[in-house]
C-alpha atoms as a PDB file:
ATOM      1  CA  MET A   1      32.638   3.664   6.986  1.00  0.00           C
ATOM      2  CA  ASP A   2      35.976   4.422   8.605  1.00  0.00           C
ATOM      3  CA  ASN A   3      37.771   2.000   6.298  1.00  0.00           C
ATOM      4  CA  ASP A   4      36.381   3.786   3.242  1.00  0.00           C
ATOM      5  CA  ILE A   5      37.545   7.136   4.565  1.00  0.00           C
ATOM      6  CA  LEU A   6      41.001   5.783   5.369  1.00  0.00           C
ATOM      7  CA  LYS A   7      41.267   4.208   1.929  1.00  0.00           C
ATOM      8  CA  LYS A   8      40.304   7.469   0.229  1.00  0.00           C
ATOM      9  CA  LEU A   9      42.791   9.382   2.368  1.00  0.00           C
ATOM     10  CA  GLU A  10      45.571   6.989   1.370  1.00  0.00           C
ATOM     11  CA  GLU A  11      44.648   7.351  -2.305  1.00  0.00           C
ATOM     12  CA  GLN A  12      44.697  11.129  -1.972  1.00  0.00           C
ATOM     13  CA  GLU A  13      48.053  10.993  -0.248  1.00  0.00           C
ATOM     14  CA  GLN A  14      49.488   8.936  -3.105  1.00  0.00           C
ATOM     15  CA  LYS A  15      48.109  11.352  -5.663  1.00  0.00           C
ATOM     16  CA  ILE A  16      49.512  14.314  -3.755  1.00  0.00           C
ATOM     17  CA  ASP A  17      52.932  12.644  -3.645  1.00  0.00           C
ATOM     18  CA  LYS A  18      52.842  12.131  -7.418  1.00  0.00           C
ATOM     19  CA  ILE A  19      51.862  15.759  -7.945  1.00  0.00           C
ATOM     20  CA  TYR A  20      54.647  16.912  -5.638  1.00  0.00           C
ATOM     21  CA  ARG A  21      57.253  14.884  -7.552  1.00  0.00           C
ATOM     22  CA  SER A  22      55.970  16.264 -10.833  1.00  0.00           C
ATOM     23  CA  VAL A  23      56.069  19.846  -9.575  1.00  0.00           C
ATOM     24  CA  GLU A  24      59.618  19.388  -8.284  1.00  0.00           C
ATOM     25  CA  LYS A  25      60.736  18.087 -11.683  1.00  0.00           C
ATOM     26  CA  MET A  26      59.134  21.103 -13.380  1.00  0.00           C
ATOM     27  CA  ARG A  27      60.778  23.477 -10.905  1.00  0.00           C
ATOM     28  CA  LYS A  28      64.189  22.005 -11.643  1.00  0.00           C
ATOM     29  CA  TYR A  29      63.482  22.157 -15.377  1.00  0.00           C
ATOM     30  CA  PHE A  30      62.598  25.855 -15.180  1.00  0.00           C
ATOM     31  CA  LEU A  31      65.642  26.571 -13.019  1.00  0.00           C
ATOM     32  CA  TRP A  32      68.005  24.972 -15.547  1.00  0.00           C
ATOM     33  CA  SER A  33      66.207  26.740 -18.404  1.00  0.00           C
ATOM     34  CA  LEU A  34      66.842  30.041 -16.641  1.00  0.00           C
ATOM     35  CA  ILE A  35      70.506  29.229 -16.034  1.00  0.00           C
ATOM     36  CA  ILE A  36      71.067  28.138 -19.642  1.00  0.00           C
ATOM     37  CA  GLY A  37      69.173  31.169 -20.938  1.00  0.00           C
ATOM     38  CA  ILE A  38      71.384  33.496 -18.920  1.00  0.00           C
ATOM     39  CA  ALA A  39      74.494  31.686 -20.124  1.00  0.00           C
ATOM     40  CA  PHE A  40      73.544  32.010 -23.794  1.00  0.00           C
ATOM     41  CA  ILE A  41      72.202  35.582 -23.673  1.00  0.00           C
ATOM     42  CA  VAL A  42      73.927  37.553 -20.919  1.00  0.00           C
ATOM     43  CA  LEU A  43      77.442  36.122 -21.086  1.00  0.00           C
ATOM     44  CA  PRO A  44      77.963  36.985 -24.789  1.00  0.00           C
ATOM     45  CA  PHE A  45      76.978  40.587 -24.072  1.00  0.00           C
ATOM     46  CA  ILE A  46      79.499  40.733 -21.254  1.00  0.00           C
ATOM     47  CA  GLY A  47      82.105  39.360 -23.648  1.00  0.00           C
ATOM     48  CA  LEU A  48      81.239  42.032 -26.209  1.00  0.00           C
ATOM     49  CA  ILE A  49      81.926  44.723 -23.633  1.00  0.00           C
ATOM     50  CA  PHE A  50      85.564  43.619 -23.670  1.00  0.00           C
ATOM     51  CA  VAL A  51      85.886  42.675 -27.342  1.00  0.00           C
ATOM     52  CA  ILE A  52      84.486  45.840 -28.948  1.00  0.00           C
ATOM     53  CA  PRO A  53      87.014  48.231 -27.370  1.00  0.00           C
ATOM     54  CA  MET A  54      89.863  45.906 -28.387  1.00  0.00           C
ATOM     55  CA  PHE A  55      88.492  45.796 -31.940  1.00  0.00           C
ATOM     56  CA  LEU A  56      88.201  49.578 -32.098  1.00  0.00           C
ATOM     57  CA  LYS A  57      91.828  49.942 -31.021  1.00  0.00           C
ATOM     58  CA  THR A  58      92.972  47.743 -33.897  1.00  0.00           C
ATOM     59  CA  LEU A  59      91.095  49.713 -36.563  1.00  0.00           C
ATOM     60  CA  ASN A  60      93.200  51.997 -38.714  1.00  0.00           C
ATOM     61  CA  LEU A  61      91.176  55.186 -38.468  1.00  0.00           C
ATOM     62  CA  SER A  62      93.602  57.206 -40.567  1.00  0.00           C
ATOM     63  CA  GLY A  63      91.974  55.869 -43.724  1.00  0.00           C
ATOM     64  CA  PHE A  64      88.763  57.598 -42.705  1.00  0.00           C
ATOM     65  CA  GLY A  65      90.459  60.973 -42.329  1.00  0.00           C
ATOM     66  CA  LEU A  66      90.388  60.883 -38.565  1.00  0.00           C
END
């Protein structure tokens, strides 16, 4: 009886280890997805904050009657 219980406990431990490894891989995947998402969405907006004023300075507004 004790051997059966020990065997089942070992099997459960192995399954839990596999689940843990899988969850850690998913966590890392989501972390990198977040980092890449921020890089491709937020950083261009920050760049636009600097580019738009420079572009507006180069416009010749005298043609518009201003």
